[in-house]
Amino acid sequence: MIQRVNEKISVITVYNHIKNSILPVQVRWHGRIYHIKKLGYHHKVRMGRTMLHIFSVCDDSLALKLQFNSDTLEWMLEEVSDGLTD
């Protein structure tokens, strides 16, 4: 089931200077830590002058859709999915 969340979260990332890429590796949400195992995709969306980076990532049991605002440097958890149908 996909659940819309839209809450601020804490994220630990790794930056690769050779590939010029950033990868979320750990997410903290509601006091729980999720270790990211796989990056599904990363794309950018421009909203006016603001660049948003959207990441689809998975841990062992959940799929998470993350948003990074490059102006405010804030991370948001947009969606959570457990992979089950509604």
N, C-alpha and C. Protein backbone atom coordinates (compact mmCIF):
# COMPACT_ATOMS: atom_id res chain seq x y z
N MET A 1 0.84 -1.17 0.00
CA MET A 1 0.00 0.00 0.00
C MET A 1 0.89 1.24 0.00
N ILE A 2 0.57 2.18 -0.84
CA ILE A 2 1.30 3.44 -0.90
C ILE A 2 0.63 4.45 0.02
N GLN A 3 1.43 5.06 0.87
CA GLN A 3 0.91 6.05 1.82
C GLN A 3 1.61 7.38 1.59
N ARG A 4 0.84 8.43 1.33
CA ARG A 4 1.40 9.79 1.22
C ARG A 4 1.75 10.27 2.61
N VAL A 5 2.97 10.82 2.79
CA VAL A 5 3.43 11.21 4.11
C VAL A 5 3.69 12.71 4.18
N ASN A 6 4.58 13.22 3.33
CA ASN A 6 4.96 14.63 3.30
C ASN A 6 5.40 15.16 4.67
N GLU A 7 6.42 14.51 5.24
CA GLU A 7 6.99 14.93 6.52
C GLU A 7 8.49 15.15 6.37
N LYS A 8 9.01 16.12 7.14
CA LYS A 8 10.45 16.35 7.15
C LYS A 8 11.14 15.17 7.83
N ILE A 9 12.32 14.82 7.30
CA ILE A 9 13.08 13.69 7.83
C ILE A 9 14.56 14.05 7.87
N SER A 10 15.32 13.23 8.56
CA SER A 10 16.78 13.36 8.56
C SER A 10 17.35 12.28 7.64
N VAL A 11 18.36 12.66 6.84
CA VAL A 11 18.94 11.74 5.88
C VAL A 11 20.46 11.85 5.94
N ILE A 12 21.12 10.70 5.94
CA ILE A 12 22.58 10.66 5.80
C ILE A 12 22.87 10.27 4.36
N THR A 13 23.74 11.04 3.71
CA THR A 13 24.05 10.80 2.30
C THR A 13 25.55 10.59 2.10
N VAL A 14 25.87 10.04 0.94
CA VAL A 14 27.25 9.89 0.50
C VAL A 14 27.37 10.62 -0.84
N TYR A 15 28.40 11.45 -0.95
CA TYR A 15 28.64 12.18 -2.20
C TYR A 15 29.85 11.58 -2.90
N ASN A 16 29.71 11.26 -4.19
CA ASN A 16 30.79 10.71 -5.00
C ASN A 16 31.29 11.82 -5.92
N HIS A 17 32.49 12.34 -5.65
CA HIS A 17 33.01 13.46 -6.44
C HIS A 17 33.40 13.04 -7.85
N ILE A 18 33.69 11.78 -8.08
CA ILE A 18 34.05 11.31 -9.42
C ILE A 18 32.81 11.27 -10.31
N LYS A 19 31.71 10.72 -9.81
CA LYS A 19 30.47 10.64 -10.57
C LYS A 19 29.60 11.88 -10.41
N ASN A 20 30.00 12.77 -9.48
CA ASN A 20 29.21 13.95 -9.16
C ASN A 20 27.77 13.56 -8.81
N SER A 21 27.66 12.59 -7.89
CA SER A 21 26.34 12.10 -7.51
C SER A 21 26.22 12.00 -6.00
N ILE A 22 24.98 12.05 -5.54
CA ILE A 22 24.68 11.93 -4.12
C ILE A 22 23.76 10.74 -3.94
N LEU A 23 23.97 9.99 -2.86
CA LEU A 23 23.17 8.81 -2.59
C LEU A 23 22.72 8.79 -1.14
N PRO A 24 21.42 8.77 -0.88
CA PRO A 24 20.95 8.62 0.49
C PRO A 24 21.28 7.20 0.98
N VAL A 25 21.85 7.09 2.18
CA VAL A 25 22.21 5.78 2.71
C VAL A 25 21.46 5.44 3.99
N GLN A 26 20.92 6.45 4.66
CA GLN A 26 20.18 6.21 5.90
C GLN A 26 19.13 7.29 6.10
N VAL A 27 17.93 6.87 6.49
CA VAL A 27 16.81 7.78 6.72
C VAL A 27 16.33 7.60 8.16
N ARG A 28 16.08 8.70 8.85
CA ARG A 28 15.49 8.65 10.18
C ARG A 28 14.10 9.28 10.10
N TRP A 29 13.09 8.46 10.46
CA TRP A 29 11.70 8.90 10.40
C TRP A 29 10.96 8.34 11.62
N HIS A 30 10.33 9.21 12.37
CA HIS A 30 9.59 8.84 13.59
C HIS A 30 10.47 8.06 14.57
N GLY A 31 11.73 8.46 14.68
CA GLY A 31 12.64 7.84 15.63
C GLY A 31 13.20 6.51 15.19
N ARG A 32 12.85 6.06 14.01
CA ARG A 32 13.34 4.78 13.50
C ARG A 32 14.31 5.03 12.35
N ILE A 33 15.35 4.19 12.27
CA ILE A 33 16.36 4.34 11.23
C ILE A 33 16.14 3.28 10.15
N TYR A 34 16.16 3.74 8.90
CA TYR A 34 16.01 2.86 7.74
C TYR A 34 17.32 2.91 6.95
N HIS A 35 17.96 1.76 6.78
CA HIS A 35 19.20 1.67 6.02
C HIS A 35 18.85 1.39 4.55
N ILE A 36 19.25 2.30 3.69
CA ILE A 36 18.91 2.20 2.27
C ILE A 36 19.77 1.12 1.62
N LYS A 37 19.10 0.18 0.95
CA LYS A 37 19.80 -0.93 0.28
C LYS A 37 19.91 -0.72 -1.23
N LYS A 38 18.93 0.03 -1.80
CA LYS A 38 18.90 0.15 -3.26
C LYS A 38 18.31 1.50 -3.67
N LEU A 39 18.92 2.09 -4.69
CA LEU A 39 18.41 3.31 -5.30
C LEU A 39 17.63 2.90 -6.55
N GLY A 40 16.33 3.24 -6.57
CA GLY A 40 15.51 2.93 -7.73
C GLY A 40 15.74 3.93 -8.85
N TYR A 41 15.60 5.20 -8.52
CA TYR A 41 15.87 6.26 -9.49
C TYR A 41 16.14 7.56 -8.77
N HIS A 42 16.71 8.49 -9.51
CA HIS A 42 16.93 9.86 -9.04
C HIS A 42 16.65 10.77 -10.22
N HIS A 43 15.79 11.76 -10.03
CA HIS A 43 15.57 12.76 -11.07
C HIS A 43 15.37 14.12 -10.42
N LYS A 44 15.45 15.15 -11.25
CA LYS A 44 15.33 16.53 -10.77
C LYS A 44 14.06 17.15 -11.32
N VAL A 45 13.44 17.99 -10.48
CA VAL A 45 12.23 18.73 -10.87
C VAL A 45 12.45 20.19 -10.48
N ARG A 46 12.21 21.08 -11.42
CA ARG A 46 12.34 22.51 -11.11
C ARG A 46 10.96 23.08 -10.81
N MET A 47 10.85 23.74 -9.64
CA MET A 47 9.63 24.42 -9.26
C MET A 47 9.97 25.89 -9.11
N GLY A 48 9.71 26.67 -10.16
CA GLY A 48 10.16 28.07 -10.17
C GLY A 48 11.67 28.09 -10.22
N ARG A 49 12.30 28.73 -9.25
CA ARG A 49 13.76 28.79 -9.19
C ARG A 49 14.36 27.68 -8.33
N THR A 50 13.50 26.90 -7.69
CA THR A 50 13.95 25.85 -6.77
C THR A 50 14.13 24.53 -7.50
N MET A 51 15.28 23.87 -7.26
CA MET A 51 15.54 22.55 -7.81
C MET A 51 15.26 21.51 -6.74
N LEU A 52 14.37 20.57 -7.05
CA LEU A 52 14.05 19.47 -6.15
C LEU A 52 14.66 18.19 -6.72
N HIS A 53 15.30 17.43 -5.86
CA HIS A 53 15.86 16.13 -6.24
C HIS A 53 14.94 15.06 -5.65
N ILE A 54 14.44 14.17 -6.50
CA ILE A 54 13.53 13.12 -6.08
C ILE A 54 14.27 11.79 -6.15
N PHE A 55 14.23 11.04 -5.05
CA PHE A 55 14.89 9.75 -4.97
C PHE A 55 13.86 8.68 -4.63
N SER A 56 13.91 7.57 -5.32
CA SER A 56 13.13 6.39 -4.97
C SER A 56 14.12 5.36 -4.44
N VAL A 57 13.97 4.98 -3.16
CA VAL A 57 14.92 4.09 -2.52
C VAL A 57 14.18 2.98 -1.78
N CYS A 58 14.91 1.91 -1.45
CA CYS A 58 14.33 0.78 -0.72
C CYS A 58 15.24 0.37 0.42
N ASP A 59 14.61 -0.06 1.52
CA ASP A 59 15.35 -0.76 2.56
C ASP A 59 14.92 -2.23 2.46
N ASP A 60 15.02 -2.99 3.53
CA ASP A 60 14.66 -4.41 3.46
C ASP A 60 13.17 -4.66 3.28
N SER A 61 12.32 -3.74 3.76
CA SER A 61 10.88 -4.01 3.72
C SER A 61 10.02 -2.89 3.13
N LEU A 62 10.58 -1.69 2.96
CA LEU A 62 9.79 -0.55 2.49
C LEU A 62 10.44 0.13 1.28
N ALA A 63 9.59 0.72 0.46
CA ALA A 63 10.05 1.62 -0.61
C ALA A 63 9.71 3.03 -0.17
N LEU A 64 10.66 3.95 -0.31
CA LEU A 64 10.50 5.32 0.13
C LEU A 64 10.72 6.27 -1.04
N LYS A 65 9.91 7.32 -1.11
CA LYS A 65 10.11 8.38 -2.09
C LYS A 65 10.55 9.61 -1.32
N LEU A 66 11.78 10.06 -1.58
CA LEU A 66 12.38 11.17 -0.85
C LEU A 66 12.50 12.39 -1.75
N GLN A 67 12.42 13.57 -1.14
CA GLN A 67 12.60 14.82 -1.88
C GLN A 67 13.63 15.67 -1.15
N PHE A 68 14.62 16.15 -1.90
CA PHE A 68 15.63 17.06 -1.35
C PHE A 68 15.47 18.41 -2.02
N ASN A 69 15.27 19.47 -1.22
CA ASN A 69 15.13 20.83 -1.72
C ASN A 69 16.51 21.47 -1.68
N SER A 70 17.07 21.79 -2.84
CA SER A 70 18.43 22.32 -2.90
C SER A 70 18.53 23.78 -2.41
N ASP A 71 17.40 24.49 -2.29
CA ASP A 71 17.42 25.85 -1.75
C ASP A 71 17.44 25.85 -0.23
N THR A 72 16.54 25.07 0.38
CA THR A 72 16.41 25.06 1.83
C THR A 72 17.24 23.97 2.49
N LEU A 73 17.78 23.04 1.70
CA LEU A 73 18.54 21.88 2.17
C LEU A 73 17.71 20.98 3.08
N GLU A 74 16.41 20.94 2.84
CA GLU A 74 15.49 20.10 3.62
C GLU A 74 15.16 18.82 2.87
N TRP A 75 15.04 17.75 3.63
CA TRP A 75 14.60 16.46 3.11
C TRP A 75 13.16 16.22 3.54
N MET A 76 12.36 15.69 2.61
CA MET A 76 10.97 15.33 2.89
C MET A 76 10.75 13.88 2.49
N LEU A 77 9.99 13.18 3.29
CA LEU A 77 9.52 11.84 2.92
C LEU A 77 8.16 12.05 2.28
N GLU A 78 8.08 11.81 0.98
CA GLU A 78 6.82 12.03 0.27
C GLU A 78 5.89 10.83 0.38
N GLU A 79 6.43 9.63 0.15
CA GLU A 79 5.60 8.42 0.14
C GLU A 79 6.34 7.25 0.76
N VAL A 80 5.56 6.33 1.30
CA VAL A 80 6.06 5.06 1.81
C VAL A 80 5.21 3.96 1.23
N SER A 81 5.85 2.87 0.79
CA SER A 81 5.11 1.73 0.27
C SER A 81 5.68 0.45 0.85
N ASP A 82 4.78 -0.45 1.27
CA ASP A 82 5.21 -1.75 1.78
C ASP A 82 5.16 -2.82 0.70
N GLY A 83 4.76 -2.43 -0.51
CA GLY A 83 4.72 -3.38 -1.64
C GLY A 83 3.44 -4.17 -1.74
N LEU A 84 2.55 -4.03 -0.77
CA LEU A 84 1.28 -4.77 -0.81
C LEU A 84 0.23 -3.93 -1.51
N THR A 85 -0.76 -4.59 -2.07
CA THR A 85 -1.86 -3.87 -2.73
C THR A 85 -2.82 -3.35 -1.67
N ASP A 86 -3.58 -2.34 -2.04
CA ASP A 86 -4.54 -1.72 -1.10
C ASP A 86 -5.64 -2.67 -0.72
